Amino acid sequence: MPRRRIIDNTTLGLEVQGMARQAARQRVAPLFAEFGLDGFEQHYPVQLSGGMRQRAALLRTVVQDRAMLLLDEPFGALDALTRSGMQRWLETMWEHHNWTALLITHDVREAVFLSDRIYVLTERPARVLREIIVPLPRPRRDWLRPGPAPSRPTF
């Protein structure tokens, strides 16, 4: 929300659930450094880069402590360099926190990089056309490096 500072944007979900503003801020505050937002709590979204706004949005989701994260095109609005950095950052965060996530994307490379299992859907009405188990080991950060590509499995 453009008129709310980042600290207030990241606590919004908790407040909507009935948590007091001060308690919500105390819960979110320790995560700002881990999400690369330390020192930006009082800034407005317009003052942040696209990647920082995406990390703030993810923080708002993660702090609600749900069993599963739903990420719908989380990097769709980012330029290619920022997107690739955010993908690597997200993979690192997944390794550290052991999150379960449902990622919706139209980017095949992003799907392969971030997923262990991919469901390809048909057009409307959406049905599962194919399930693909991604046979690449983790971490996959090396897979995105420029230069000769590591051996890629066939699907």
N, C-alpha and C. Protein backbone atom coordinates (compact mmCIF):
# COMPACT_ATOMS: atom_id res chain seq x y z
N MET A 1 0.85 -1.17 0.00
CA MET A 1 0.00 0.00 0.00
C MET A 1 0.90 1.24 0.00
N PRO A 2 0.78 2.09 -1.00
CA PRO A 2 1.72 3.19 -1.18
C PRO A 2 1.75 4.21 -0.04
N ARG A 3 0.68 4.34 0.70
CA ARG A 3 0.66 5.35 1.78
C ARG A 3 1.11 4.81 3.12
N ARG A 4 1.43 3.55 3.17
CA ARG A 4 1.91 2.95 4.41
C ARG A 4 3.42 2.74 4.31
N ARG A 5 4.11 3.02 5.40
CA ARG A 5 5.55 2.77 5.44
C ARG A 5 5.80 1.26 5.37
N ILE A 6 7.02 0.86 5.05
CA ILE A 6 7.34 -0.56 4.87
C ILE A 6 7.03 -1.35 6.14
N ILE A 7 7.34 -0.82 7.30
CA ILE A 7 7.03 -1.53 8.55
C ILE A 7 5.53 -1.80 8.64
N ASP A 8 4.71 -0.85 8.23
CA ASP A 8 3.27 -1.02 8.30
C ASP A 8 2.73 -1.93 7.20
N ASN A 9 3.38 -1.91 6.04
CA ASN A 9 2.99 -2.83 4.97
C ASN A 9 3.29 -4.27 5.36
N THR A 10 4.42 -4.50 6.01
CA THR A 10 4.79 -5.87 6.36
C THR A 10 3.97 -6.42 7.52
N THR A 11 3.37 -5.55 8.31
CA THR A 11 2.54 -6.02 9.43
C THR A 11 1.06 -6.07 9.08
N LEU A 12 0.70 -5.65 7.90
CA LEU A 12 -0.71 -5.54 7.51
C LEU A 12 -1.49 -6.84 7.71
N GLY A 13 -0.95 -7.96 7.24
CA GLY A 13 -1.64 -9.24 7.37
C GLY A 13 -1.90 -9.61 8.82
N LEU A 14 -0.92 -9.35 9.67
CA LEU A 14 -1.08 -9.65 11.09
C LEU A 14 -2.16 -8.77 11.72
N GLU A 15 -2.16 -7.50 11.34
CA GLU A 15 -3.16 -6.57 11.88
C GLU A 15 -4.56 -6.96 11.44
N VAL A 16 -4.70 -7.35 10.18
CA VAL A 16 -6.01 -7.78 9.66
C VAL A 16 -6.51 -9.00 10.44
N GLN A 17 -5.59 -9.84 10.89
CA GLN A 17 -5.95 -11.03 11.67
C GLN A 17 -6.27 -10.69 13.13
N GLY A 18 -6.10 -9.42 13.50
CA GLY A 18 -6.45 -9.00 14.85
C GLY A 18 -5.29 -8.75 15.79
N MET A 19 -4.07 -8.90 15.31
CA MET A 19 -2.92 -8.64 16.18
C MET A 19 -2.75 -7.14 16.35
N ALA A 20 -2.42 -6.72 17.56
CA ALA A 20 -2.18 -5.30 17.84
C ALA A 20 -0.98 -4.82 17.04
N ARG A 21 -1.02 -3.55 16.61
CA ARG A 21 0.03 -2.99 15.77
C ARG A 21 1.41 -3.14 16.40
N GLN A 22 1.54 -2.84 17.69
CA GLN A 22 2.85 -2.93 18.35
C GLN A 22 3.35 -4.37 18.40
N ALA A 23 2.47 -5.31 18.68
CA ALA A 23 2.87 -6.73 18.70
C ALA A 23 3.29 -7.19 17.30
N ALA A 24 2.57 -6.74 16.29
CA ALA A 24 2.90 -7.09 14.91
C ALA A 24 4.27 -6.53 14.54
N ARG A 25 4.54 -5.30 14.93
CA ARG A 25 5.85 -4.70 14.64
C ARG A 25 6.98 -5.45 15.33
N GLN A 26 6.74 -5.88 16.57
CA GLN A 26 7.76 -6.63 17.30
C GLN A 26 8.04 -7.98 16.64
N ARG A 27 7.01 -8.56 16.06
CA ARG A 27 7.17 -9.85 15.38
C ARG A 27 7.94 -9.70 14.06
N VAL A 28 7.71 -8.62 13.35
CA VAL A 28 8.33 -8.41 12.04
C VAL A 28 9.74 -7.84 12.15
N ALA A 29 9.99 -7.00 13.11
CA ALA A 29 11.26 -6.26 13.21
C ALA A 29 12.52 -7.12 13.08
N PRO A 30 12.60 -8.27 13.75
CA PRO A 30 13.84 -9.06 13.65
C PRO A 30 14.10 -9.62 12.24
N LEU A 31 13.09 -9.66 11.40
CA LEU A 31 13.25 -10.24 10.06
C LEU A 31 13.73 -9.24 9.01
N PHE A 32 13.72 -7.96 9.33
CA PHE A 32 14.12 -6.97 8.33
C PHE A 32 15.54 -7.17 7.83
N ALA A 33 16.47 -7.49 8.71
CA ALA A 33 17.86 -7.70 8.29
C ALA A 33 17.96 -8.92 7.38
N GLU A 34 17.31 -10.01 7.75
CA GLU A 34 17.36 -11.23 6.95
C GLU A 34 16.78 -11.04 5.55
N PHE A 35 15.80 -10.15 5.44
CA PHE A 35 15.16 -9.90 4.16
C PHE A 35 15.82 -8.73 3.40
N GLY A 36 16.95 -8.26 3.90
CA GLY A 36 17.68 -7.20 3.21
C GLY A 36 17.00 -5.85 3.29
N LEU A 37 16.21 -5.63 4.33
CA LEU A 37 15.44 -4.39 4.45
C LEU A 37 15.80 -3.60 5.69
N ASP A 38 16.83 -4.02 6.40
CA ASP A 38 17.24 -3.33 7.62
C ASP A 38 17.56 -1.87 7.31
N GLY A 39 16.97 -0.96 8.06
CA GLY A 39 17.18 0.46 7.85
C GLY A 39 16.15 1.11 6.93
N PHE A 40 15.27 0.29 6.35
CA PHE A 40 14.25 0.82 5.43
C PHE A 40 12.83 0.71 6.00
N GLU A 41 12.72 0.42 7.28
CA GLU A 41 11.41 0.23 7.89
C GLU A 41 10.50 1.45 7.74
N GLN A 42 11.06 2.65 7.81
CA GLN A 42 10.26 3.88 7.77
C GLN A 42 10.11 4.47 6.35
N HIS A 43 10.63 3.77 5.36
CA HIS A 43 10.50 4.23 3.98
C HIS A 43 9.14 3.84 3.40
N TYR A 44 8.76 4.52 2.35
CA TYR A 44 7.54 4.19 1.62
C TYR A 44 7.92 3.31 0.43
N PRO A 45 6.98 2.50 -0.06
CA PRO A 45 7.30 1.60 -1.18
C PRO A 45 7.94 2.30 -2.37
N VAL A 46 7.52 3.49 -2.70
CA VAL A 46 8.07 4.21 -3.85
C VAL A 46 9.56 4.51 -3.68
N GLN A 47 10.04 4.48 -2.44
CA GLN A 47 11.44 4.78 -2.16
C GLN A 47 12.34 3.54 -2.27
N LEU A 48 11.76 2.38 -2.52
CA LEU A 48 12.52 1.14 -2.60
C LEU A 48 12.68 0.67 -4.03
N SER A 49 13.69 -0.14 -4.26
CA SER A 49 13.87 -0.76 -5.57
C SER A 49 12.81 -1.84 -5.74
N GLY A 50 12.66 -2.32 -6.96
CA GLY A 50 11.69 -3.38 -7.22
C GLY A 50 11.98 -4.64 -6.42
N GLY A 51 13.24 -5.01 -6.33
CA GLY A 51 13.61 -6.19 -5.56
C GLY A 51 13.31 -6.04 -4.08
N MET A 52 13.55 -4.85 -3.55
CA MET A 52 13.26 -4.59 -2.14
C MET A 52 11.75 -4.64 -1.89
N ARG A 53 10.97 -4.11 -2.81
CA ARG A 53 9.51 -4.18 -2.66
C ARG A 53 9.04 -5.64 -2.67
N GLN A 54 9.65 -6.46 -3.51
CA GLN A 54 9.28 -7.88 -3.56
C GLN A 54 9.67 -8.58 -2.26
N ARG A 55 10.84 -8.25 -1.70
CA ARG A 55 11.23 -8.87 -0.43
C ARG A 55 10.31 -8.43 0.70
N ALA A 56 9.86 -7.17 0.66
CA ALA A 56 8.89 -6.69 1.66
C ALA A 56 7.57 -7.44 1.52
N ALA A 57 7.13 -7.67 0.30
CA ALA A 57 5.88 -8.41 0.08
C ALA A 57 6.03 -9.85 0.58
N LEU A 58 7.18 -10.45 0.34
CA LEU A 58 7.41 -11.81 0.82
C LEU A 58 7.48 -11.84 2.34
N LEU A 59 8.10 -10.84 2.93
CA LEU A 59 8.15 -10.74 4.39
C LEU A 59 6.74 -10.65 4.96
N ARG A 60 5.88 -9.85 4.34
CA ARG A 60 4.49 -9.72 4.79
C ARG A 60 3.79 -11.08 4.77
N THR A 61 4.12 -11.90 3.78
CA THR A 61 3.53 -13.23 3.67
C THR A 61 4.12 -14.19 4.70
N VAL A 62 5.45 -14.22 4.80
CA VAL A 62 6.14 -15.16 5.67
C VAL A 62 5.83 -14.93 7.14
N VAL A 63 5.71 -13.69 7.55
CA VAL A 63 5.52 -13.38 8.97
C VAL A 63 4.19 -13.91 9.50
N GLN A 64 3.28 -14.24 8.61
CA GLN A 64 1.99 -14.79 9.03
C GLN A 64 2.11 -16.25 9.46
N ASP A 65 3.28 -16.84 9.22
CA ASP A 65 3.60 -18.18 9.71
C ASP A 65 2.59 -19.23 9.26
N ARG A 66 2.29 -19.25 7.99
CA ARG A 66 1.39 -20.24 7.41
C ARG A 66 2.17 -21.48 7.00
N ALA A 67 1.49 -22.59 6.87
CA ALA A 67 2.12 -23.84 6.47
C ALA A 67 2.61 -23.79 5.02
N MET A 68 1.96 -22.98 4.19
CA MET A 68 2.32 -22.90 2.78
C MET A 68 2.29 -21.45 2.32
N LEU A 69 3.27 -21.10 1.49
CA LEU A 69 3.30 -19.77 0.87
C LEU A 69 2.69 -19.87 -0.52
N LEU A 70 1.88 -18.92 -0.89
CA LEU A 70 1.36 -18.83 -2.24
C LEU A 70 2.02 -17.64 -2.91
N LEU A 71 2.79 -17.90 -3.97
CA LEU A 71 3.52 -16.86 -4.67
C LEU A 71 3.04 -16.83 -6.11
N ASP A 72 2.26 -15.82 -6.44
CA ASP A 72 1.68 -15.69 -7.77
C ASP A 72 2.49 -14.68 -8.58
N GLU A 73 3.31 -15.18 -9.51
CA GLU A 73 4.17 -14.34 -10.34
C GLU A 73 4.95 -13.33 -9.48
N PRO A 74 5.68 -13.80 -8.46
CA PRO A 74 6.32 -12.85 -7.54
C PRO A 74 7.36 -11.96 -8.17
N PHE A 75 7.97 -12.37 -9.29
CA PHE A 75 9.03 -11.58 -9.89
C PHE A 75 8.67 -11.07 -11.27
N GLY A 76 7.41 -11.15 -11.63
CA GLY A 76 6.95 -10.79 -12.97
C GLY A 76 7.24 -9.35 -13.36
N ALA A 77 7.26 -8.43 -12.42
CA ALA A 77 7.43 -7.02 -12.75
C ALA A 77 8.89 -6.57 -12.70
N LEU A 78 9.80 -7.50 -12.43
CA LEU A 78 11.20 -7.13 -12.26
C LEU A 78 11.99 -7.30 -13.55
N ASP A 79 13.06 -6.51 -13.70
CA ASP A 79 13.94 -6.66 -14.85
C ASP A 79 14.71 -7.98 -14.69
N ALA A 80 15.34 -8.44 -15.77
CA ALA A 80 15.98 -9.75 -15.81
C ALA A 80 17.06 -9.92 -14.74
N LEU A 81 17.90 -8.92 -14.54
CA LEU A 81 18.97 -9.04 -13.55
C LEU A 81 18.42 -9.11 -12.12
N THR A 82 17.46 -8.24 -11.82
CA THR A 82 16.86 -8.24 -10.49
C THR A 82 16.12 -9.55 -10.26
N ARG A 83 15.41 -10.01 -11.29
CA ARG A 83 14.66 -11.27 -11.19
C ARG A 83 15.59 -12.42 -10.85
N SER A 84 16.70 -12.54 -11.57
CA SER A 84 17.61 -13.64 -11.32
C SER A 84 18.21 -13.55 -9.91
N GLY A 85 18.54 -12.35 -9.46
CA GLY A 85 19.03 -12.18 -8.09
C GLY A 85 17.99 -12.56 -7.05
N MET A 86 16.75 -12.19 -7.30
CA MET A 86 15.67 -12.52 -6.38
C MET A 86 15.40 -14.03 -6.35
N GLN A 87 15.52 -14.67 -7.49
CA GLN A 87 15.34 -16.13 -7.53
C GLN A 87 16.42 -16.82 -6.69
N ARG A 88 17.67 -16.38 -6.82
CA ARG A 88 18.75 -16.97 -6.02
C ARG A 88 18.54 -16.68 -4.54
N TRP A 89 18.11 -15.45 -4.22
CA TRP A 89 17.84 -15.10 -2.83
C TRP A 89 16.72 -15.97 -2.27
N LEU A 90 15.66 -16.16 -3.03
CA LEU A 90 14.53 -16.96 -2.57
C LEU A 90 14.94 -18.41 -2.35
N GLU A 91 15.76 -18.95 -3.24
CA GLU A 91 16.23 -20.32 -3.04
C GLU A 91 17.02 -20.43 -1.73
N THR A 92 17.87 -19.47 -1.45
CA THR A 92 18.63 -19.46 -0.20
C THR A 92 17.71 -19.41 1.01
N MET A 93 16.68 -18.56 0.91
CA MET A 93 15.72 -18.45 2.02
C MET A 93 14.96 -19.75 2.21
N TRP A 94 14.58 -20.41 1.13
CA TRP A 94 13.89 -21.70 1.23
C TRP A 94 14.78 -22.73 1.92
N GLU A 95 16.05 -22.76 1.55
CA GLU A 95 16.98 -23.70 2.18
C GLU A 95 17.05 -23.45 3.68
N HIS A 96 17.12 -22.18 4.04
CA HIS A 96 17.27 -21.81 5.46
C HIS A 96 16.00 -22.09 6.26
N HIS A 97 14.84 -21.76 5.70
CA HIS A 97 13.59 -21.84 6.45
C HIS A 97 12.77 -23.10 6.17
N ASN A 98 13.13 -23.85 5.13
CA ASN A 98 12.41 -25.06 4.78
C ASN A 98 10.92 -24.79 4.53
N TRP A 99 10.63 -23.74 3.78
CA TRP A 99 9.25 -23.39 3.45
C TRP A 99 8.69 -24.33 2.40
N THR A 100 7.38 -24.45 2.40
CA THR A 100 6.65 -25.09 1.30
C THR A 100 5.95 -23.97 0.57
N ALA A 101 6.05 -23.96 -0.74
CA ALA A 101 5.45 -22.86 -1.50
C ALA A 101 4.80 -23.38 -2.77
N LEU A 102 3.74 -22.71 -3.14
CA LEU A 102 3.12 -22.92 -4.44
C LEU A 102 3.45 -21.68 -5.25
N LEU A 103 4.26 -21.88 -6.29
CA LEU A 103 4.72 -20.79 -7.13
C LEU A 103 3.98 -20.84 -8.45
N ILE A 104 3.33 -19.77 -8.78
CA ILE A 104 2.66 -19.65 -10.07
C ILE A 104 3.52 -18.77 -10.94
N THR A 105 3.91 -19.29 -12.11
CA THR A 105 4.76 -18.54 -13.02
C THR A 105 4.52 -18.98 -14.45
N HIS A 106 4.80 -18.07 -15.37
CA HIS A 106 4.76 -18.39 -16.79
C HIS A 106 6.18 -18.54 -17.33
N ASP A 107 7.16 -18.36 -16.48
CA ASP A 107 8.57 -18.40 -16.85
C ASP A 107 9.09 -19.82 -16.62
N VAL A 108 9.36 -20.53 -17.70
CA VAL A 108 9.78 -21.93 -17.61
C VAL A 108 11.09 -22.06 -16.85
N ARG A 109 12.04 -21.20 -17.15
CA ARG A 109 13.35 -21.26 -16.46
C ARG A 109 13.17 -21.04 -14.96
N GLU A 110 12.33 -20.08 -14.59
CA GLU A 110 12.05 -19.82 -13.18
C GLU A 110 11.41 -21.04 -12.52
N ALA A 111 10.47 -21.66 -13.21
CA ALA A 111 9.81 -22.85 -12.68
C ALA A 111 10.81 -23.96 -12.42
N VAL A 112 11.70 -24.21 -13.37
CA VAL A 112 12.69 -25.27 -13.21
C VAL A 112 13.67 -24.93 -12.10
N PHE A 113 14.10 -23.68 -12.05
CA PHE A 113 15.08 -23.28 -11.04
C PHE A 113 14.51 -23.36 -9.63
N LEU A 114 13.28 -22.91 -9.43
CA LEU A 114 12.73 -22.81 -8.08
C LEU A 114 11.89 -24.00 -7.63
N SER A 115 11.55 -24.88 -8.54
CA SER A 115 10.59 -25.94 -8.20
C SER A 115 11.22 -27.31 -8.11
N ASP A 116 10.60 -28.14 -7.30
CA ASP A 116 10.93 -29.55 -7.25
C ASP A 116 9.91 -30.35 -8.06
N ARG A 117 8.74 -29.77 -8.21
CA ARG A 117 7.66 -30.41 -8.96
C ARG A 117 6.93 -29.30 -9.72
N ILE A 118 6.66 -29.55 -10.99
CA ILE A 118 5.98 -28.56 -11.84
C ILE A 118 4.69 -29.18 -12.36
N TYR A 119 3.64 -28.41 -12.31
CA TYR A 119 2.38 -28.81 -12.92
C TYR A 119 2.11 -27.87 -14.08
N VAL A 120 2.00 -28.43 -15.26
CA VAL A 120 1.67 -27.65 -16.45
C VAL A 120 0.16 -27.70 -16.59
N LEU A 121 -0.47 -26.53 -16.71
CA LEU A 121 -1.92 -26.45 -16.78
C LEU A 121 -2.39 -26.15 -18.20
N THR A 122 -3.61 -26.58 -18.49
CA THR A 122 -4.23 -26.25 -19.77
C THR A 122 -4.83 -24.86 -19.66
N GLU A 123 -5.28 -24.33 -20.79
CA GLU A 123 -6.01 -23.07 -20.75
C GLU A 123 -7.37 -23.34 -20.11
N ARG A 124 -8.17 -22.32 -20.00
CA ARG A 124 -9.46 -22.41 -19.32
C ARG A 124 -10.34 -23.49 -19.91
N PRO A 125 -10.99 -24.22 -19.07
CA PRO A 125 -10.76 -24.29 -17.62
C PRO A 125 -9.45 -25.01 -17.33
N ALA A 126 -8.71 -24.48 -16.39
CA ALA A 126 -7.38 -25.02 -16.09
C ALA A 126 -7.49 -26.43 -15.52
N ARG A 127 -6.73 -27.31 -16.15
CA ARG A 127 -6.60 -28.70 -15.69
C ARG A 127 -5.13 -29.06 -15.75
N VAL A 128 -4.74 -30.01 -14.94
CA VAL A 128 -3.34 -30.45 -14.96
C VAL A 128 -3.11 -31.25 -16.23
N LEU A 129 -2.23 -30.73 -17.07
CA LEU A 129 -1.87 -31.40 -18.31
C LEU A 129 -0.73 -32.38 -18.09
N ARG A 130 0.22 -31.96 -17.24
CA ARG A 130 1.40 -32.78 -17.02
C ARG A 130 2.03 -32.43 -15.68
N GLU A 131 2.57 -33.42 -15.01
CA GLU A 131 3.35 -33.22 -13.80
C GLU A 131 4.80 -33.58 -14.13
N ILE A 132 5.70 -32.69 -13.75
CA ILE A 132 7.12 -32.91 -14.03
C ILE A 132 7.88 -32.84 -12.71
N ILE A 133 8.62 -33.88 -12.40
CA ILE A 133 9.51 -33.88 -11.25
C ILE A 133 10.85 -33.33 -11.74
N VAL A 134 11.34 -32.29 -11.10
CA VAL A 134 12.58 -31.65 -11.53
C VAL A 134 13.76 -32.44 -10.93
N PRO A 135 14.56 -33.08 -11.78
CA PRO A 135 15.64 -33.95 -11.29
C PRO A 135 16.97 -33.25 -11.03
N LEU A 136 16.94 -31.95 -10.80
CA LEU A 136 18.17 -31.20 -10.54
C LEU A 136 18.44 -31.16 -9.04
N PRO A 137 19.70 -31.34 -8.64
CA PRO A 137 20.01 -31.26 -7.21
C PRO A 137 19.95 -29.81 -6.72
N ARG A 138 19.78 -29.66 -5.43
CA ARG A 138 19.83 -28.35 -4.81
C ARG A 138 21.16 -28.22 -4.08
N PRO A 139 21.71 -27.05 -3.95
CA PRO A 139 21.19 -25.79 -4.47
C PRO A 139 21.40 -25.68 -5.98
N ARG A 140 20.61 -24.85 -6.59
CA ARG A 140 20.65 -24.69 -8.04
C ARG A 140 21.28 -23.37 -8.47
N ARG A 141 21.86 -22.64 -7.57
CA ARG A 141 22.43 -21.34 -7.92
C ARG A 141 23.44 -21.46 -9.05
N ASP A 142 24.25 -22.52 -9.05
CA ASP A 142 25.24 -22.71 -10.11
C ASP A 142 24.59 -22.92 -11.47
N TRP A 143 23.39 -23.43 -11.49
CA TRP A 143 22.70 -23.72 -12.73
C TRP A 143 22.39 -22.44 -13.51
N LEU A 144 22.27 -21.31 -12.79
CA LEU A 144 21.94 -20.04 -13.44
C LEU A 144 23.17 -19.24 -13.86
N ARG A 145 24.35 -19.69 -13.49
CA ARG A 145 25.56 -18.94 -13.83
C ARG A 145 25.77 -18.86 -15.33
N PRO A 146 26.29 -17.71 -15.81
CA PRO A 146 26.61 -17.62 -17.24
C PRO A 146 27.74 -18.57 -17.59
N GLY A 147 27.84 -18.89 -18.83
CA GLY A 147 28.89 -19.79 -19.29
C GLY A 147 28.29 -21.12 -19.72
N PRO A 148 29.13 -22.11 -19.94
CA PRO A 148 28.61 -23.41 -20.36
C PRO A 148 27.64 -23.95 -19.32
N ALA A 149 26.50 -24.37 -19.78
CA ALA A 149 25.47 -24.86 -18.87
C ALA A 149 25.84 -26.24 -18.36
N PRO A 150 25.53 -26.51 -17.08
CA PRO A 150 25.71 -27.87 -16.57
C PRO A 150 24.82 -28.81 -17.37
N SER A 151 25.10 -30.06 -17.28
CA SER A 151 24.27 -31.05 -17.98
C SER A 151 22.82 -30.90 -17.56
N ARG A 152 21.95 -30.77 -18.52
CA ARG A 152 20.52 -30.57 -18.23
C ARG A 152 19.78 -31.87 -18.50
N PRO A 153 18.94 -32.27 -17.57
CA PRO A 153 18.17 -33.49 -17.78
C PRO A 153 17.08 -33.28 -18.82
N THR A 154 16.64 -34.34 -19.41
CA THR A 154 15.49 -34.26 -20.32
C THR A 154 14.26 -34.58 -19.51
N PHE A 155 13.18 -33.95 -19.87
CA PHE A 155 11.93 -34.15 -19.12
C PHE A 155 11.05 -35.09 -19.87
